Amino acid sequence: MIKFVNVEKTYPNGFQALKDINLEIHEGEFVAIIGLSGAGKSTLLRTINKIHPITGGTLYVDNVDVSTIQGKELRYFRRNIGMIFQSFNLVKRMSVFKNVLSGRVAYHSTFKTMFGLFPKKDQLLALEALDKMGILDKAFERADRLSGGQMQRVALARALAQEPKLILADEPVASLDPITTLSVMDDFLRINKEFGITIITNMHHVDLALKYATRVIGIKEGRIVFDGKSEEVTEQVLEQVYGRKLTKDEVLDAAEVVLS
């Protein structure tokens, strides 16, 4: 589904964020990317939907060379990829329903979406997505009246309304409290299992990566230093990824309830 071939990313200031990335991710996987801040996790994730264009190598998504697409073709390409951000990326003055409906923007002309002219099919898809996330009762509330966990569920519902093959999540629970974190991660797992949607997420919390993902990719200074099953992650692997031994508190920094 996704194939990196000798991929590199160098920013205009000369900083090389990705170095010689060779990686394949298959349909239906739940992948967690771990590493220090600045290691290249977000850059790696955001090259997949061309938020950050690569500067070397080749990146294929569903056999499409991502480097070659632009304009309308890029807009269509991104319809199949949901994106979840740490900050939720909602328009807070708008209703939950309208925020979710914005997931259908790429399916219509700019003129129609500017005036909110979405067909009934899209409106039903948005309501169904909210129902799947258990927040249908919040559909006509303003987004700024929701809790952090509810906002992230709205973001997930918006992604589901796109009918994506893939969801990219950039530190999706970093701003949530421990209990809400577990609930939202359960939602990601359910989406992966029930709908067969590939999930790729950057994780600050090592414990969550090991608990929820079936595959873990460790990145250090722009290079992949580990790629394997979550059960293969040992103290030695974590030391290789983070450059030092992690304390128990660092490994279990979400909450001890994660292991319950």
C-alpha atoms as a PDB file:
ATOM      1  CA  MET A   1       0.000   0.000   0.000  1.00  0.00           C
ATOM      2  CA  ILE A   2       2.844   2.414   0.939  1.00  0.00           C
ATOM      3  CA  LYS A   3       6.428   2.043  -0.203  1.00  0.00           C
ATOM      4  CA  PHE A   4       9.381   4.296   0.585  1.00  0.00           C
ATOM      5  CA  VAL A   5      12.413   3.762  -1.648  1.00  0.00           C
ATOM      6  CA  ASN A   6      15.580   5.584  -0.549  1.00  0.00           C
ATOM      7  CA  VAL A   7      13.443   8.522   0.563  1.00  0.00           C
ATOM      8  CA  GLU A   8      15.087  11.683   1.855  1.00  0.00           C
ATOM      9  CA  LYS A   9      13.726  14.981   3.078  1.00  0.00           C
ATOM     10  CA  THR A  10      15.856  18.102   3.384  1.00  0.00           C
ATOM     11  CA  TYR A  11      14.238  21.381   4.419  1.00  0.00           C
ATOM     12  CA  PRO A  12      15.156  24.713   2.784  1.00  0.00           C
ATOM     13  CA  ASN A  13      17.334  25.609   5.792  1.00  0.00           C
ATOM     14  CA  GLY A  14      19.508  22.571   5.040  1.00  0.00           C
ATOM     15  CA  PHE A  15      18.229  20.342   7.850  1.00  0.00           C
ATOM     16  CA  GLN A  16      17.945  16.730   6.700  1.00  0.00           C
ATOM     17  CA  ALA A  17      14.902  15.284   8.453  1.00  0.00           C
ATOM     18  CA  LEU A  18      14.785  11.913   6.650  1.00  0.00           C
ATOM     19  CA  LYS A  19      17.755   9.882   5.467  1.00  0.00           C
ATOM     20  CA  ASP A  20      17.574   6.883   3.145  1.00  0.00           C
ATOM     21  CA  ILE A  21      14.152   5.620   4.269  1.00  0.00           C
ATOM     22  CA  ASN A  22      13.215   2.199   2.882  1.00  0.00           C
ATOM     23  CA  LEU A  23       9.898   0.966   4.190  1.00  0.00           C
ATOM     24  CA  GLU A  24       6.731  -0.855   3.186  1.00  0.00           C
ATOM     25  CA  ILE A  25       3.422  -0.574   5.010  1.00  0.00           C
ATOM     26  CA  HIS A  26       0.593  -2.901   4.035  1.00  0.00           C
ATOM     27  CA  GLU A  27      -3.149  -2.452   3.952  1.00  0.00           C
ATOM     28  CA  GLY A  28      -4.907  -2.987   7.278  1.00  0.00           C
ATOM     29  CA  GLU A  29      -1.849  -2.540   9.497  1.00  0.00           C
ATOM     30  CA  PHE A  30      -1.803  -0.531  12.723  1.00  0.00           C
ATOM     31  CA  VAL A  31       1.638   1.077  12.818  1.00  0.00           C
ATOM     32  CA  ALA A  32       3.137   3.261  15.545  1.00  0.00           C
ATOM     33  CA  ILE A  33       6.194   5.422  14.899  1.00  0.00           C
ATOM     34  CA  ILE A  34       8.293   6.180  17.981  1.00  0.00           C
ATOM     35  CA  GLY A  35      11.375   8.296  18.625  1.00  0.00           C
ATOM     36  CA  LEU A  36      12.622  11.469  20.230  1.00  0.00           C
ATOM     37  CA  SER A  37      11.186  14.866  19.370  1.00  0.00           C
ATOM     38  CA  GLY A  38      12.891  16.038  16.204  1.00  0.00           C
ATOM     39  CA  ALA A  39      13.802  12.513  15.123  1.00  0.00           C
ATOM     40  CA  GLY A  40      11.683  12.767  11.967  1.00  0.00           C
ATOM     41  CA  LYS A  41       8.434  11.100  13.057  1.00  0.00           C
ATOM     42  CA  SER A  42       6.085  13.852  11.901  1.00  0.00           C
ATOM     43  CA  THR A  43       8.037  14.442   8.717  1.00  0.00           C
ATOM     44  CA  LEU A  44       7.851  10.745   7.830  1.00  0.00           C
ATOM     45  CA  LEU A  45       4.107  10.709   8.448  1.00  0.00           C
ATOM     46  CA  ARG A  46       3.425  13.896   6.492  1.00  0.00           C
ATOM     47  CA  THR A  47       5.338  12.841   3.402  1.00  0.00           C
ATOM     48  CA  ILE A  48       2.687  10.174   2.826  1.00  0.00           C
ATOM     49  CA  ASN A  49      -0.003  12.738   1.950  1.00  0.00           C
ATOM     50  CA  LYS A  50       2.542  15.213   0.585  1.00  0.00           C
ATOM     51  CA  ILE A  51       2.112  17.827   3.286  1.00  0.00           C
ATOM     52  CA  HIS A  52       5.917  17.650   3.287  1.00  0.00           C
ATOM     53  CA  PRO A  53       7.147  16.769  -0.240  1.00  0.00           C
ATOM     54  CA  ILE A  54      10.172  14.478  -0.310  1.00  0.00           C
ATOM     55  CA  THR A  55      13.436  15.774  -1.773  1.00  0.00           C
ATOM     56  CA  GLY A  56      14.986  12.445  -2.719  1.00  0.00           C
ATOM     57  CA  GLY A  57      14.029   8.865  -3.520  1.00  0.00           C
ATOM     58  CA  THR A  58      10.546   7.663  -4.414  1.00  0.00           C
ATOM     59  CA  LEU A  59       7.376   7.291  -2.371  1.00  0.00           C
ATOM     60  CA  TYR A  60       4.491   5.179  -3.656  1.00  0.00           C
ATOM     61  CA  VAL A  61       0.986   5.089  -2.186  1.00  0.00           C
ATOM     62  CA  ASP A  62      -1.305   2.584  -3.906  1.00  0.00           C
ATOM     63  CA  ASN A  63       1.225   2.437  -6.763  1.00  0.00           C
ATOM     64  CA  VAL A  64       1.035   6.215  -7.249  1.00  0.00           C
ATOM     65  CA  ASP A  65       4.342   8.092  -7.225  1.00  0.00           C
ATOM     66  CA  VAL A  66       3.420  10.817  -4.748  1.00  0.00           C
ATOM     67  CA  SER A  67       6.118  13.181  -6.044  1.00  0.00           C
ATOM     68  CA  THR A  68       4.459  13.420  -9.449  1.00  0.00           C
ATOM     69  CA  ILE A  69       0.979  14.518  -8.359  1.00  0.00           C
ATOM     70  CA  GLN A  70      -0.200  18.087  -7.832  1.00  0.00           C
ATOM     71  CA  GLY A  71      -3.225  20.324  -8.181  1.00  0.00           C
ATOM     72  CA  LYS A  72      -6.544  18.581  -8.698  1.00  0.00           C
ATOM     73  CA  GLU A  73      -4.861  15.166  -8.814  1.00  0.00           C
ATOM     74  CA  LEU A  74      -3.343  15.763  -5.376  1.00  0.00           C
ATOM     75  CA  ARG A  75      -6.740  16.860  -4.054  1.00  0.00           C
ATOM     76  CA  TYR A  76      -8.294  13.601  -5.272  1.00  0.00           C
ATOM     77  CA  PHE A  77      -5.367  11.591  -3.883  1.00  0.00           C
ATOM     78  CA  ARG A  78      -5.854  13.042  -0.408  1.00  0.00           C
ATOM     79  CA  ARG A  79      -9.529  12.029  -0.336  1.00  0.00           C
ATOM     80  CA  ASN A  80      -8.401   8.509   0.577  1.00  0.00           C
ATOM     81  CA  ILE A  81      -6.214   9.682   3.459  1.00  0.00           C
ATOM     82  CA  GLY A  82      -7.676  10.943   6.713  1.00  0.00           C
ATOM     83  CA  MET A  83      -5.440  13.163   8.850  1.00  0.00           C
ATOM     84  CA  ILE A  84      -5.723  13.505  12.620  1.00  0.00           C
ATOM     85  CA  PHE A  85      -3.795  16.244  14.435  1.00  0.00           C
ATOM     86  CA  GLN A  86      -2.827  16.722  18.075  1.00  0.00           C
ATOM     87  CA  SER A  87      -4.666  20.071  18.073  1.00  0.00           C
ATOM     88  CA  PHE A  88      -7.831  18.488  16.527  1.00  0.00           C
ATOM     89  CA  ASN A  89      -7.870  21.058  13.692  1.00  0.00           C
ATOM     90  CA  LEU A  90     -11.570  21.839  14.089  1.00  0.00           C
ATOM     91  CA  VAL A  91     -13.328  25.094  13.274  1.00  0.00           C
ATOM     92  CA  LYS A  92     -14.489  25.685  16.818  1.00  0.00           C
ATOM     93  CA  ARG A  93     -17.200  28.237  16.049  1.00  0.00           C
ATOM     94  CA  MET A  94     -18.886  25.767  13.685  1.00  0.00           C
ATOM     95  CA  SER A  95     -21.172  22.927  14.666  1.00  0.00           C
ATOM     96  CA  VAL A  96     -19.842  19.405  15.079  1.00  0.00           C
ATOM     97  CA  PHE A  97     -21.929  18.318  12.081  1.00  0.00           C
ATOM     98  CA  LYS A  98     -20.413  20.966   9.783  1.00  0.00           C
ATOM     99  CA  ASN A  99     -16.907  20.079  10.955  1.00  0.00           C
ATOM    100  CA  VAL A 100     -17.479  16.439  10.056  1.00  0.00           C
ATOM    101  CA  LEU A 101     -19.131  17.384   6.771  1.00  0.00           C
ATOM    102  CA  SER A 102     -15.921  19.220   5.819  1.00  0.00           C
ATOM    103  CA  GLY A 103     -14.389  15.773   5.362  1.00  0.00           C
ATOM    104  CA  ARG A 104     -16.350  15.646   2.083  1.00  0.00           C
ATOM    105  CA  VAL A 105     -14.849  18.861   0.680  1.00  0.00           C
ATOM    106  CA  ALA A 106     -12.453  17.115  -1.713  1.00  0.00           C
ATOM    107  CA  TYR A 107     -15.379  15.385  -3.429  1.00  0.00           C
ATOM    108  CA  HIS A 108     -16.933  18.634  -4.652  1.00  0.00           C
ATOM    109  CA  SER A 109     -16.102  21.918  -6.338  1.00  0.00           C
ATOM    110  CA  THR A 110     -14.782  24.832  -4.301  1.00  0.00           C
ATOM    111  CA  PHE A 111     -17.901  26.854  -5.163  1.00  0.00           C
ATOM    112  CA  LYS A 112     -20.275  24.265  -3.682  1.00  0.00           C
ATOM    113  CA  THR A 113     -18.283  23.743  -0.510  1.00  0.00           C
ATOM    114  CA  MET A 114     -17.891  27.494   0.092  1.00  0.00           C
ATOM    115  CA  PHE A 115     -21.659  27.772   0.338  1.00  0.00           C
ATOM    116  CA  GLY A 116     -22.170  24.489   2.180  1.00  0.00           C
ATOM    117  CA  LEU A 117     -23.950  22.851  -0.743  1.00  0.00           C
ATOM    118  CA  PHE A 118     -23.407  19.246   0.247  1.00  0.00           C
ATOM    119  CA  PRO A 119     -25.770  16.575  -1.122  1.00  0.00           C
ATOM    120  CA  LYS A 120     -27.954  14.496   1.149  1.00  0.00           C
ATOM    121  CA  LYS A 121     -25.614  11.500   0.746  1.00  0.00           C
ATOM    122  CA  ASP A 122     -22.760  13.475   2.296  1.00  0.00           C
ATOM    123  CA  GLN A 123     -24.942  14.697   5.133  1.00  0.00           C
ATOM    124  CA  LEU A 124     -25.944  11.123   5.925  1.00  0.00           C
ATOM    125  CA  LEU A 125     -22.303  10.003   5.792  1.00  0.00           C
ATOM    126  CA  ALA A 126     -21.399  12.725   8.304  1.00  0.00           C
ATOM    127  CA  LEU A 127     -24.198  11.705  10.683  1.00  0.00           C
ATOM    128  CA  GLU A 128     -23.267   8.026  10.341  1.00  0.00           C
ATOM    129  CA  ALA A 129     -19.646   8.854  11.137  1.00  0.00           C
ATOM    130  CA  LEU A 130     -20.714  10.702  14.284  1.00  0.00           C
ATOM    131  CA  ASP A 131     -22.864   7.737  15.255  1.00  0.00           C
ATOM    132  CA  LYS A 132     -19.918   5.357  14.794  1.00  0.00           C
ATOM    133  CA  MET A 133     -17.899   7.529  17.163  1.00  0.00           C
ATOM    134  CA  GLY A 134     -20.698   7.640  19.737  1.00  0.00           C
ATOM    135  CA  ILE A 135     -21.253  11.409  19.589  1.00  0.00           C
ATOM    136  CA  LEU A 136     -24.282  11.751  17.333  1.00  0.00           C
ATOM    137  CA  ASP A 137     -26.045  13.607  20.152  1.00  0.00           C
ATOM    138  CA  LYS A 138     -23.434  16.379  19.837  1.00  0.00           C
ATOM    139  CA  ALA A 139     -24.025  16.918  16.100  1.00  0.00           C
ATOM    140  CA  PHE A 140     -25.503  20.409  16.371  1.00  0.00           C
ATOM    141  CA  GLU A 141     -23.416  21.745  19.233  1.00  0.00           C
ATOM    142  CA  ARG A 142     -20.568  24.149  18.610  1.00  0.00           C
ATOM    143  CA  ALA A 143     -17.228  22.376  18.561  1.00  0.00           C
ATOM    144  CA  ASP A 144     -15.772  24.720  21.184  1.00  0.00           C
ATOM    145  CA  ARG A 145     -18.243  23.399  23.747  1.00  0.00           C
ATOM    146  CA  LEU A 146     -16.787  19.914  23.668  1.00  0.00           C
ATOM    147  CA  SER A 147     -14.155  18.294  25.838  1.00  0.00           C
ATOM    148  CA  GLY A 148     -10.758  17.400  24.373  1.00  0.00           C
ATOM    149  CA  GLY A 149     -11.717  13.766  23.980  1.00  0.00           C
ATOM    150  CA  GLN A 150     -14.962  14.677  22.236  1.00  0.00           C
ATOM    151  CA  MET A 151     -13.092  17.009  19.891  1.00  0.00           C
ATOM    152  CA  GLN A 152     -10.728  14.232  18.896  1.00  0.00           C
ATOM    153  CA  ARG A 153     -13.714  11.970  18.226  1.00  0.00           C
ATOM    154  CA  VAL A 154     -15.141  14.674  15.971  1.00  0.00           C
ATOM    155  CA  ALA A 155     -11.807  14.720  14.127  1.00  0.00           C
ATOM    156  CA  LEU A 156     -12.016  10.935  13.785  1.00  0.00           C
ATOM    157  CA  ALA A 157     -15.595  11.185  12.544  1.00  0.00           C
ATOM    158  CA  ARG A 158     -14.491  13.764   9.968  1.00  0.00           C
ATOM    159  CA  ALA A 159     -11.803  11.351   8.779  1.00  0.00           C
ATOM    160  CA  LEU A 160     -14.322   8.504   8.568  1.00  0.00           C
ATOM    161  CA  ALA A 161     -16.680  10.704   6.525  1.00  0.00           C
ATOM    162  CA  GLN A 162     -13.971  10.842   3.864  1.00  0.00           C
ATOM    163  CA  GLU A 163     -14.329   7.058   3.458  1.00  0.00           C
ATOM    164  CA  PRO A 164     -10.538   6.730   3.637  1.00  0.00           C
ATOM    165  CA  LYS A 165      -8.297   3.743   3.070  1.00  0.00           C
ATOM    166  CA  LEU A 166      -5.712   5.183   5.438  1.00  0.00           C
ATOM    167  CA  ILE A 167      -5.681   7.400   8.528  1.00  0.00           C
ATOM    168  CA  LEU A 168      -2.540   9.278   9.552  1.00  0.00           C
ATOM    169  CA  ALA A 169      -2.477  10.459  13.170  1.00  0.00           C
ATOM    170  CA  ASP A 170       0.171  12.921  14.335  1.00  0.00           C
ATOM    171  CA  GLU A 171       0.507  12.643  18.141  1.00  0.00           C
ATOM    172  CA  PRO A 172      -3.292  12.263  18.404  1.00  0.00           C
ATOM    173  CA  VAL A 173      -3.528  11.901  22.193  1.00  0.00           C
ATOM    174  CA  ALA A 174      -0.629  14.074  23.367  1.00  0.00           C
ATOM    175  CA  SER A 175      -2.958  16.782  24.715  1.00  0.00           C
ATOM    176  CA  LEU A 176      -5.460  14.444  26.394  1.00  0.00           C
ATOM    177  CA  ASP A 177      -5.656  13.229  29.981  1.00  0.00           C
ATOM    178  CA  PRO A 178      -4.710   9.570  30.659  1.00  0.00           C
ATOM    179  CA  ILE A 179      -8.229   8.130  30.858  1.00  0.00           C
ATOM    180  CA  THR A 180      -9.440   9.957  27.752  1.00  0.00           C
ATOM    181  CA  THR A 181      -6.240   8.889  25.988  1.00  0.00           C
ATOM    182  CA  LEU A 182      -7.104   5.232  26.458  1.00  0.00           C
ATOM    183  CA  SER A 183     -10.663   5.772  25.256  1.00  0.00           C
ATOM    184  CA  VAL A 184      -9.525   7.545  22.082  1.00  0.00           C
ATOM    185  CA  MET A 185      -6.865   4.900  21.396  1.00  0.00           C
ATOM    186  CA  ASP A 186      -9.613   2.277  21.742  1.00  0.00           C
ATOM    187  CA  ASP A 187     -11.474   4.182  19.021  1.00  0.00           C
ATOM    188  CA  PHE A 188      -8.457   4.006  16.717  1.00  0.00           C
ATOM    189  CA  LEU A 189      -8.152   0.275  17.326  1.00  0.00           C
ATOM    190  CA  ARG A 190     -11.852  -0.266  16.625  1.00  0.00           C
ATOM    191  CA  ILE A 191     -11.617   1.701  13.366  1.00  0.00           C
ATOM    192  CA  ASN A 192      -8.660  -0.417  12.334  1.00  0.00           C
ATOM    193  CA  LYS A 193     -10.320  -3.728  13.190  1.00  0.00           C
ATOM    194  CA  GLU A 194     -13.947  -3.097  12.213  1.00  0.00           C
ATOM    195  CA  PHE A 195     -13.427  -1.089   9.045  1.00  0.00           C
ATOM    196  CA  GLY A 196     -10.062  -2.446   7.927  1.00  0.00           C
ATOM    197  CA  ILE A 197      -8.608   1.069   7.699  1.00  0.00           C
ATOM    198  CA  THR A 198      -4.835   1.292   7.875  1.00  0.00           C
ATOM    199  CA  ILE A 199      -3.662   3.387  10.837  1.00  0.00           C
ATOM    200  CA  ILE A 200      -0.241   5.033  11.015  1.00  0.00           C
ATOM    201  CA  THR A 201       0.373   7.127  14.098  1.00  0.00           C
ATOM    202  CA  ASN A 202       3.240   8.968  15.759  1.00  0.00           C
ATOM    203  CA  MET A 203       3.340   8.149  19.448  1.00  0.00           C
ATOM    204  CA  HIS A 204       5.017  10.038  22.263  1.00  0.00           C
ATOM    205  CA  HIS A 205       3.908   7.358  24.737  1.00  0.00           C
ATOM    206  CA  VAL A 206       5.907   4.158  24.262  1.00  0.00           C
ATOM    207  CA  ASP A 207       3.454   2.151  26.345  1.00  0.00           C
ATOM    208  CA  LEU A 208       0.553   3.082  24.078  1.00  0.00           C
ATOM    209  CA  ALA A 209       2.515   2.146  20.980  1.00  0.00           C
ATOM    210  CA  LEU A 210       3.198  -1.293  22.425  1.00  0.00           C
ATOM    211  CA  LYS A 211      -0.361  -1.782  23.663  1.00  0.00           C
ATOM    212  CA  TYR A 212      -2.258  -0.782  20.506  1.00  0.00           C
ATOM    213  CA  ALA A 213      -0.037  -1.107  17.452  1.00  0.00           C
ATOM    214  CA  THR A 214       0.784  -4.411  15.814  1.00  0.00           C
ATOM    215  CA  ARG A 215       3.950  -2.948  14.321  1.00  0.00           C
ATOM    216  CA  VAL A 216       6.411  -0.407  15.676  1.00  0.00           C
ATOM    217  CA  ILE A 217       8.862   1.698  13.677  1.00  0.00           C
ATOM    218  CA  GLY A 218      11.645   3.384  15.608  1.00  0.00           C
ATOM    219  CA  ILE A 219      13.279   6.437  14.062  1.00  0.00           C
ATOM    220  CA  LYS A 220      16.420   8.221  15.241  1.00  0.00           C
ATOM    221  CA  GLU A 221      18.018  11.260  13.610  1.00  0.00           C
ATOM    222  CA  GLY A 222      16.027  10.711  10.424  1.00  0.00           C
ATOM    223  CA  ARG A 223      16.864   7.024  10.023  1.00  0.00           C
ATOM    224  CA  ILE A 224      14.837   3.905  10.775  1.00  0.00           C
ATOM    225  CA  VAL A 225      16.654   1.974  13.487  1.00  0.00           C
ATOM    226  CA  PHE A 226      13.909  -0.544  14.279  1.00  0.00           C
ATOM    227  CA  ASP A 227      10.975  -2.024  12.380  1.00  0.00           C
ATOM    228  CA  GLY A 228       9.159  -5.002  13.832  1.00  0.00           C
ATOM    229  CA  LYS A 229       6.244  -6.398  15.791  1.00  0.00           C
ATOM    230  CA  SER A 230       5.309  -4.642  19.007  1.00  0.00           C
ATOM    231  CA  GLU A 231       6.159  -7.747  21.026  1.00  0.00           C
ATOM    232  CA  GLU A 232       9.702  -7.602  19.641  1.00  0.00           C
ATOM    233  CA  VAL A 233      10.370  -4.231  21.274  1.00  0.00           C
ATOM    234  CA  THR A 234      12.826  -4.783  24.130  1.00  0.00           C
ATOM    235  CA  GLU A 235      14.726  -2.491  26.481  1.00  0.00           C
ATOM    236  CA  GLN A 236      17.666  -2.786  24.091  1.00  0.00           C
ATOM    237  CA  VAL A 237      15.490  -1.671  21.157  1.00  0.00           C
ATOM    238  CA  LEU A 238      14.226   1.345  23.110  1.00  0.00           C
ATOM    239  CA  GLU A 239      17.790   2.263  24.049  1.00  0.00           C
ATOM    240  CA  GLN A 240      18.722   2.087  20.367  1.00  0.00           C
ATOM    241  CA  VAL A 241      15.794   4.327  19.398  1.00  0.00           C
ATOM    242  CA  TYR A 242      16.132   6.876  22.202  1.00  0.00           C
ATOM    243  CA  GLY A 243      19.900   6.760  22.678  1.00  0.00           C
ATOM    244  CA  ARG A 244      19.661   5.858  26.351  1.00  0.00           C
ATOM    245  CA  LYS A 245      17.779   3.636  28.737  1.00  0.00           C
ATOM    246  CA  LEU A 246      14.279   4.843  29.500  1.00  0.00           C
ATOM    247  CA  THR A 247      13.074   5.029  33.079  1.00  0.00           C
ATOM    248  CA  LYS A 248       9.912   3.198  34.060  1.00  0.00           C
ATOM    249  CA  ASP A 249       8.082   6.533  34.295  1.00  0.00           C
ATOM    250  CA  GLU A 250       9.120   7.432  30.736  1.00  0.00           C
ATOM    251  CA  VAL A 251       7.883   4.124  29.357  1.00  0.00           C
ATOM    252  CA  LEU A 252       4.661   4.308  31.359  1.00  0.00           C
ATOM    253  CA  ASP A 253       4.085   8.034  31.070  1.00  0.00           C
ATOM    254  CA  ALA A 254       0.450   7.824  30.004  1.00  0.00           C
ATOM    255  CA  ALA A 255      -0.806   6.108  33.160  1.00  0.00           C
ATOM    256  CA  GLU A 256      -0.353   2.822  34.949  1.00  0.00           C
ATOM    257  CA  VAL A 257      -3.960   2.032  34.037  1.00  0.00           C
ATOM    258  CA  VAL A 258      -2.726   1.374  30.485  1.00  0.00           C
ATOM    259  CA  LEU A 259      -1.401  -1.969  31.670  1.00  0.00           C
ATOM    260  CA  SER A 260      -4.545  -2.943  33.542  1.00  0.00           C
END
